[in-house]
Amino acid sequence: MKTPKRLEPLLEDGVIDEVMRQLMSGKEATVYVVRCGEETRCAKVYKEANKRSFRQSVVYTEGRKVKSSRQARAMAKGSKYGKQAQEEAWQSAEVDALYRLAAAGVSVPTPYQFYEGVLIMDLVTDAQGNAAPRLNDVVFTAEQARQHHQSLLKEVVRMLCAGIVHGDLSEFNILLSSDGPIIIDLPQAVDAAGNNHAMSMLERDVGNLADFFGQFAPELLITQYGKEIWALYAKGALTPETVLTGQFKQDSKPVDLKSVVRVIDAVREDEAKKQMRLAEAKAALPKPKRF
């Protein structure tokens, strides 16, 4: 096939040896099957911002760190340099997440290199050695659905224990390899501790899994794994070995408004006393002499 322009530098510099075919084109990138020496891998070429259907949102980028304060200021102003820096940060987010999750034992494609805006990683295959299908292209028995659902919940927990929420997890970005489900597409991954929307994203990710597998095993539709997982995480009680129940009891204990008011009044009183002491100390200072 004709070499895509974005992959030409990788061929010239020996990062890849051959572009074999296009594998897929999604809302944020186009993926090609490439040869690297004797290995067959895939190259993910990110689309330019104006050609992506998935837009960068402050909901996803909140809490992400940038290389310098200059970049942060430029990104906030929306200057040409800032837009370029924002685009680089968006692309490198997936690379950073993949390395972090792979190190934590999460089932993601092994990343090898990020070069000229192109991510080189493992080609996920099925039992016959063909490119693995997405979950939405596969029909499951009820038992298979339960097994894969439990398997993916464990991956979600491992991700969260590593401090990451996928943010866009669904049957469209999970591949079914010969070894089981593999999670892909992570440019929108968020920092669990640094993003105020992490909890709602985690619950949505887990809800998407229940909705999909619930087509084959309807009892999964009434589970509450998302709320259970986040509650354990918030208490510092979540580990990759945590046994989940799918049940969650909301704390329905009414708020003691009188106690809350008393605490607020006490804080205000302490602050008033503090300000009074500062004023008295300031008044007691010797006045400067006039010459």
Protein backbone atom coordinates (compact mmCIF):
# COMPACT_ATOMS: atom_id res chain seq x y z
CA MET A 1 0.00 0.00 0.00
CA LYS A 2 1.02 3.63 -0.41
CA THR A 3 2.87 4.86 2.66
CA PRO A 4 0.83 7.45 4.61
CA LYS A 5 2.68 10.75 4.88
CA ARG A 6 2.75 10.64 8.69
CA LEU A 7 4.58 7.29 8.59
CA GLU A 8 7.26 8.33 6.07
CA PRO A 9 9.66 9.69 8.77
CA LEU A 10 9.41 6.37 10.65
CA LEU A 11 10.39 4.43 7.53
CA GLU A 12 13.24 6.82 6.76
CA ASP A 13 14.61 6.59 10.30
CA GLY A 14 14.25 2.81 10.55
CA VAL A 15 11.63 2.83 13.28
CA ILE A 16 9.44 0.64 11.05
CA ASP A 17 10.43 -1.40 7.98
CA GLU A 18 7.13 -1.71 6.13
CA VAL A 19 3.55 -0.45 6.22
CA MET A 20 1.46 -3.53 5.49
CA ARG A 21 -2.14 -2.31 5.64
CA GLN A 22 -4.63 -0.06 7.40
CA LEU A 23 -6.23 -1.81 10.34
CA MET A 24 -8.88 0.66 11.41
CA SER A 25 -9.83 4.33 11.49
CA GLY A 26 -11.50 5.74 14.57
CA LYS A 27 -12.68 9.05 15.95
CA GLU A 28 -9.21 10.09 17.08
CA ALA A 29 -6.66 8.07 15.09
CA THR A 30 -5.92 5.71 12.24
CA VAL A 31 -4.14 2.45 13.01
CA TYR A 32 -1.85 0.64 10.55
CA VAL A 33 -0.28 -2.81 10.67
CA VAL A 34 3.48 -2.40 10.29
CA ARG A 35 6.56 -4.60 10.26
CA CYS A 36 9.42 -3.88 12.64
CA GLY A 37 12.20 -6.31 11.78
CA GLU A 38 10.61 -9.73 12.18
CA GLU A 39 7.81 -8.46 14.41
CA THR A 40 4.34 -7.41 13.25
CA ARG A 41 3.06 -4.45 15.23
CA CYS A 42 0.65 -1.58 14.83
CA ALA A 43 1.22 2.14 14.41
CA LYS A 44 -1.38 4.54 15.78
CA VAL A 45 -1.39 7.83 13.89
CA TYR A 46 -3.31 10.53 15.73
CA LYS A 47 -5.60 12.70 13.68
CA GLU A 48 -5.24 16.47 13.74
CA ALA A 49 -7.55 18.24 16.17
CA ASN A 50 -9.81 19.65 13.44
CA LYS A 51 -10.27 16.16 11.96
CA ARG A 52 -11.19 14.36 15.16
CA SER A 53 -14.77 13.76 16.12
CA PHE A 54 -13.66 13.39 19.75
CA ARG A 55 -12.83 16.87 21.05
CA GLN A 56 -10.43 17.58 23.87
CA SER A 57 -12.48 18.68 26.85
CA VAL A 58 -11.53 20.33 30.12
CA VAL A 59 -13.43 17.45 31.75
CA TYR A 60 -10.70 15.07 30.52
CA THR A 61 -7.65 17.34 30.69
CA GLU A 62 -8.35 18.63 34.20
CA GLY A 63 -5.51 17.71 36.54
CA ARG A 64 -3.04 16.80 33.80
CA LYS A 65 0.48 18.12 34.24
CA VAL A 66 2.38 19.94 31.52
CA LYS A 67 6.11 20.28 31.03
CA SER A 68 6.42 23.93 32.03
CA SER A 69 4.51 26.97 33.27
CA ARG A 70 5.15 28.57 29.88
CA GLN A 71 3.26 25.76 28.19
CA ALA A 72 0.43 26.03 30.71
CA ARG A 73 0.08 29.78 30.09
CA ALA A 74 0.18 29.31 26.31
CA MET A 75 -2.43 26.54 26.46
CA ALA A 76 -4.70 28.74 28.57
CA LYS A 77 -4.37 31.63 26.10
CA GLY A 78 -4.99 29.40 23.10
CA SER A 79 -1.98 30.72 21.19
CA LYS A 80 -0.49 28.84 18.24
CA TYR A 81 2.26 27.48 20.48
CA GLY A 82 -0.34 26.68 23.13
CA LYS A 83 -2.49 24.70 20.71
CA GLN A 84 0.57 22.74 19.59
CA ALA A 85 1.52 22.04 23.20
CA GLN A 86 -2.06 20.98 23.96
CA GLU A 87 -2.04 18.59 21.01
CA GLU A 88 1.28 17.06 22.12
CA ALA A 89 -0.04 16.66 25.66
CA TRP A 90 -3.20 14.97 24.36
CA GLN A 91 -1.21 12.46 22.32
CA SER A 92 1.37 11.73 24.99
CA ALA A 93 -1.40 11.10 27.55
CA GLU A 94 -2.10 7.70 26.00
CA VAL A 95 1.59 6.83 25.86
CA ASP A 96 2.07 7.75 29.52
CA ALA A 97 -1.06 5.83 30.53
CA LEU A 98 -0.06 2.72 28.56
CA TYR A 99 3.38 2.51 30.16
CA ARG A 100 1.93 3.13 33.60
CA LEU A 101 -0.83 0.55 33.21
CA ALA A 102 1.42 -2.07 31.60
CA ALA A 103 3.74 -1.74 34.61
CA ALA A 104 0.73 -2.27 36.91
CA GLY A 105 -0.22 -5.48 35.13
CA VAL A 106 -3.31 -4.13 33.37
CA SER A 107 -4.28 -5.87 30.12
CA VAL A 108 -3.32 -3.21 27.57
CA PRO A 109 -1.24 -3.42 24.38
CA THR A 110 2.50 -3.29 25.09
CA PRO A 111 3.83 0.13 23.98
CA TYR A 112 7.24 0.21 22.27
CA GLN A 113 7.89 3.72 21.02
CA PHE A 114 6.31 7.13 20.51
CA TYR A 115 7.98 8.80 17.53
CA GLU A 116 6.94 11.85 15.53
CA GLY A 117 3.44 11.71 16.97
CA VAL A 118 3.01 8.00 16.14
CA LEU A 119 2.58 5.30 18.78
CA ILE A 120 4.13 1.89 18.02
CA MET A 121 2.62 -0.92 20.07
CA ASP A 122 1.64 -4.58 20.07
CA LEU A 123 -0.78 -5.89 17.47
CA VAL A 124 -3.48 -7.65 19.51
CA THR A 125 -4.49 -10.93 17.84
CA ASP A 126 -7.05 -13.68 18.27
CA ALA A 127 -6.41 -17.43 18.56
CA GLN A 128 -5.89 -17.70 14.79
CA GLY A 129 -3.33 -14.91 14.70
CA ASN A 130 -5.69 -12.43 13.06
CA ALA A 131 -6.32 -8.92 14.37
CA ALA A 132 -8.50 -9.31 17.44
CA PRO A 133 -12.16 -8.20 17.14
CA ARG A 134 -13.79 -5.58 19.30
CA LEU A 135 -16.29 -6.78 21.87
CA ASN A 136 -19.17 -5.21 19.96
CA ASP A 137 -18.46 -7.56 17.05
CA VAL A 138 -18.78 -10.71 19.17
CA VAL A 139 -21.82 -12.59 20.50
CA PHE A 140 -21.44 -14.28 23.90
CA THR A 141 -23.23 -16.92 25.89
CA ALA A 142 -24.48 -15.87 29.32
CA GLU A 143 -21.56 -17.66 31.01
CA GLN A 144 -19.00 -16.07 28.69
CA ALA A 145 -20.52 -12.66 29.34
CA ARG A 146 -20.25 -13.14 33.12
CA GLN A 147 -16.63 -14.28 32.87
CA HIS A 148 -15.52 -11.41 30.64
CA HIS A 149 -17.45 -8.92 32.76
CA GLN A 150 -15.67 -10.07 35.91
CA SER A 151 -12.33 -10.07 34.11
CA LEU A 152 -12.80 -6.48 32.96
CA LEU A 153 -13.93 -5.33 36.40
CA LYS A 154 -10.60 -6.58 37.72
CA GLU A 155 -8.82 -4.55 35.01
CA VAL A 156 -10.80 -1.45 35.97
CA VAL A 157 -9.79 -1.99 39.61
CA ARG A 158 -6.12 -2.43 38.63
CA MET A 159 -6.32 0.78 36.61
CA LEU A 160 -7.83 2.68 39.52
CA CYS A 161 -5.23 1.30 41.93
CA ALA A 162 -2.64 2.67 39.47
CA GLY A 163 -4.39 6.05 39.70
CA ILE A 164 -6.07 6.03 36.29
CA VAL A 165 -9.67 6.03 35.05
CA HIS A 166 -10.15 5.15 31.38
CA GLY A 167 -12.87 7.75 30.87
CA ASP A 168 -14.34 6.29 27.67
CA LEU A 169 -14.49 2.55 28.30
CA SER A 170 -17.04 0.59 26.27
CA GLU A 171 -17.39 -2.43 24.00
CA PHE A 172 -15.90 -0.33 21.19
CA ASN A 173 -12.45 0.03 22.75
CA ILE A 174 -11.92 -3.43 24.19
CA LEU A 175 -10.41 -6.14 22.00
CA LEU A 176 -10.98 -9.86 22.54
CA SER A 177 -7.55 -11.45 22.20
CA SER A 178 -6.61 -15.12 22.48
CA ASP A 179 -5.78 -14.42 26.15
CA GLY A 180 -8.94 -12.46 26.95
CA PRO A 181 -10.08 -8.82 26.81
CA ILE A 182 -7.49 -6.11 26.10
CA ILE A 183 -8.28 -2.46 26.85
CA ILE A 184 -7.28 0.09 24.19
CA ASP A 185 -7.71 3.81 23.33
CA LEU A 186 -6.51 5.81 26.32
CA PRO A 187 -5.85 9.42 25.21
CA GLN A 188 -8.77 10.58 27.33
CA ALA A 189 -7.60 8.72 30.47
CA VAL A 190 -7.84 10.85 33.61
CA ASP A 191 -5.93 11.03 36.86
CA ALA A 192 -8.17 9.53 39.53
CA ALA A 193 -6.92 11.81 42.29
CA GLY A 194 -6.51 15.00 40.25
CA ASN A 195 -9.75 15.12 38.27
CA ASN A 196 -13.02 16.16 39.90
CA HIS A 197 -14.98 14.13 37.34
CA ALA A 198 -13.07 10.87 37.94
CA MET A 199 -15.81 9.30 40.05
CA SER A 200 -18.58 9.90 37.50
CA MET A 201 -16.31 8.68 34.68
CA LEU A 202 -15.45 5.50 36.59
CA GLU A 203 -19.14 4.81 37.24
CA ARG A 204 -19.93 5.44 33.57
CA ASP A 205 -17.15 3.11 32.41
CA VAL A 206 -18.38 0.33 34.69
CA GLY A 207 -21.99 1.05 33.70
CA ASN A 208 -21.08 0.64 30.03
CA LEU A 209 -19.67 -2.80 30.77
CA ALA A 210 -22.84 -3.83 32.60
CA ASP A 211 -25.04 -2.52 29.79
CA PHE A 212 -23.12 -4.43 27.12
CA PHE A 213 -22.73 -7.76 28.89
CA GLY A 214 -26.23 -7.39 30.33
CA GLN A 215 -27.55 -8.14 26.85
CA PHE A 216 -26.34 -11.71 27.36
CA ALA A 217 -26.62 -11.99 31.15
CA PRO A 218 -29.48 -9.68 32.26
CA GLU A 219 -28.71 -9.97 35.98
CA LEU A 220 -25.65 -7.77 35.40
CA LEU A 221 -27.91 -4.82 34.63
CA ILE A 222 -28.88 -4.38 38.30
CA THR A 223 -25.36 -4.52 39.74
CA GLN A 224 -23.69 -1.47 41.30
CA TYR A 225 -20.02 -2.26 40.86
CA GLY A 226 -19.10 1.30 39.89
CA LYS A 227 -20.33 2.84 43.14
CA GLU A 228 -18.84 -0.03 45.16
CA ILE A 229 -15.41 0.31 43.51
CA TRP A 230 -15.24 4.07 43.98
CA ALA A 231 -16.40 3.91 47.61
CA LEU A 232 -13.64 1.42 48.41
CA TYR A 233 -11.09 3.56 46.55
CA ALA A 234 -12.17 6.71 48.39
CA LYS A 235 -11.69 4.92 51.74
CA GLY A 236 -8.26 3.62 50.71
CA ALA A 237 -9.56 0.06 50.92
CA LEU A 238 -9.31 -0.91 47.24
CA THR A 239 -6.60 -3.33 46.07
CA PRO A 240 -6.25 -5.50 42.95
CA GLU A 241 -7.24 -8.46 45.14
CA THR A 242 -10.42 -6.87 46.52
CA VAL A 243 -13.44 -9.17 46.18
CA LEU A 244 -16.40 -7.21 44.80
CA THR A 245 -20.07 -7.97 45.44
CA GLY A 246 -21.82 -5.67 42.95
CA GLN A 247 -23.88 -4.26 45.81
CA PHE A 248 -23.70 -0.82 47.30
CA LYS A 249 -25.60 0.63 50.23
CA GLN A 250 -25.94 4.38 50.09
CA ASP A 251 -25.41 6.13 53.41
CA SER A 252 -28.93 7.36 54.12
CA LYS A 253 -28.16 8.79 57.56
CA PRO A 254 -29.57 12.34 57.66
CA VAL A 255 -27.11 15.17 58.01
CA ASP A 256 -27.07 16.75 61.48
CA LEU A 257 -27.50 20.38 60.39
CA LYS A 258 -27.29 21.71 63.95
CA SER A 259 -23.85 20.13 64.39
CA VAL A 260 -22.68 21.54 61.06
CA VAL A 261 -23.87 25.03 62.06
CA ARG A 262 -22.10 24.73 65.43
CA VAL A 263 -18.82 23.82 63.69
CA ILE A 264 -19.16 26.77 61.29
CA ASP A 265 -19.95 29.17 64.17
CA ALA A 266 -16.95 27.88 66.12
CA VAL A 267 -14.64 28.44 63.16
CA ARG A 268 -15.99 31.96 62.68
CA GLU A 269 -15.54 32.73 66.38
CA ASP A 270 -11.94 31.48 66.34
CA GLU A 271 -11.20 33.59 63.27
CA ALA A 272 -12.73 36.69 64.90
CA LYS A 273 -10.58 36.18 68.01
CA LYS A 274 -7.51 35.72 65.83
CA GLN A 275 -8.18 38.96 63.98
CA MET A 276 -8.73 40.79 67.29
CA ARG A 277 -5.41 39.54 68.66
CA LEU A 278 -3.63 40.66 65.49
CA ALA A 279 -5.22 44.10 65.75
CA GLU A 280 -4.20 44.43 69.42
CA ALA A 281 -0.65 43.33 68.68
CA LYS A 282 -0.41 45.81 65.83
CA ALA A 283 -1.70 48.64 68.06
CA ALA A 284 0.89 47.79 70.72
CA LEU A 285 3.82 48.22 68.32
CA PRO A 286 5.87 51.45 68.83
CA LYS A 287 4.94 54.13 66.37
CA PRO A 288 7.70 55.19 63.94
CA LYS A 289 9.38 58.54 64.82
CA ARG A 290 8.92 61.45 62.49
CA PHE A 291 12.02 63.46 61.50
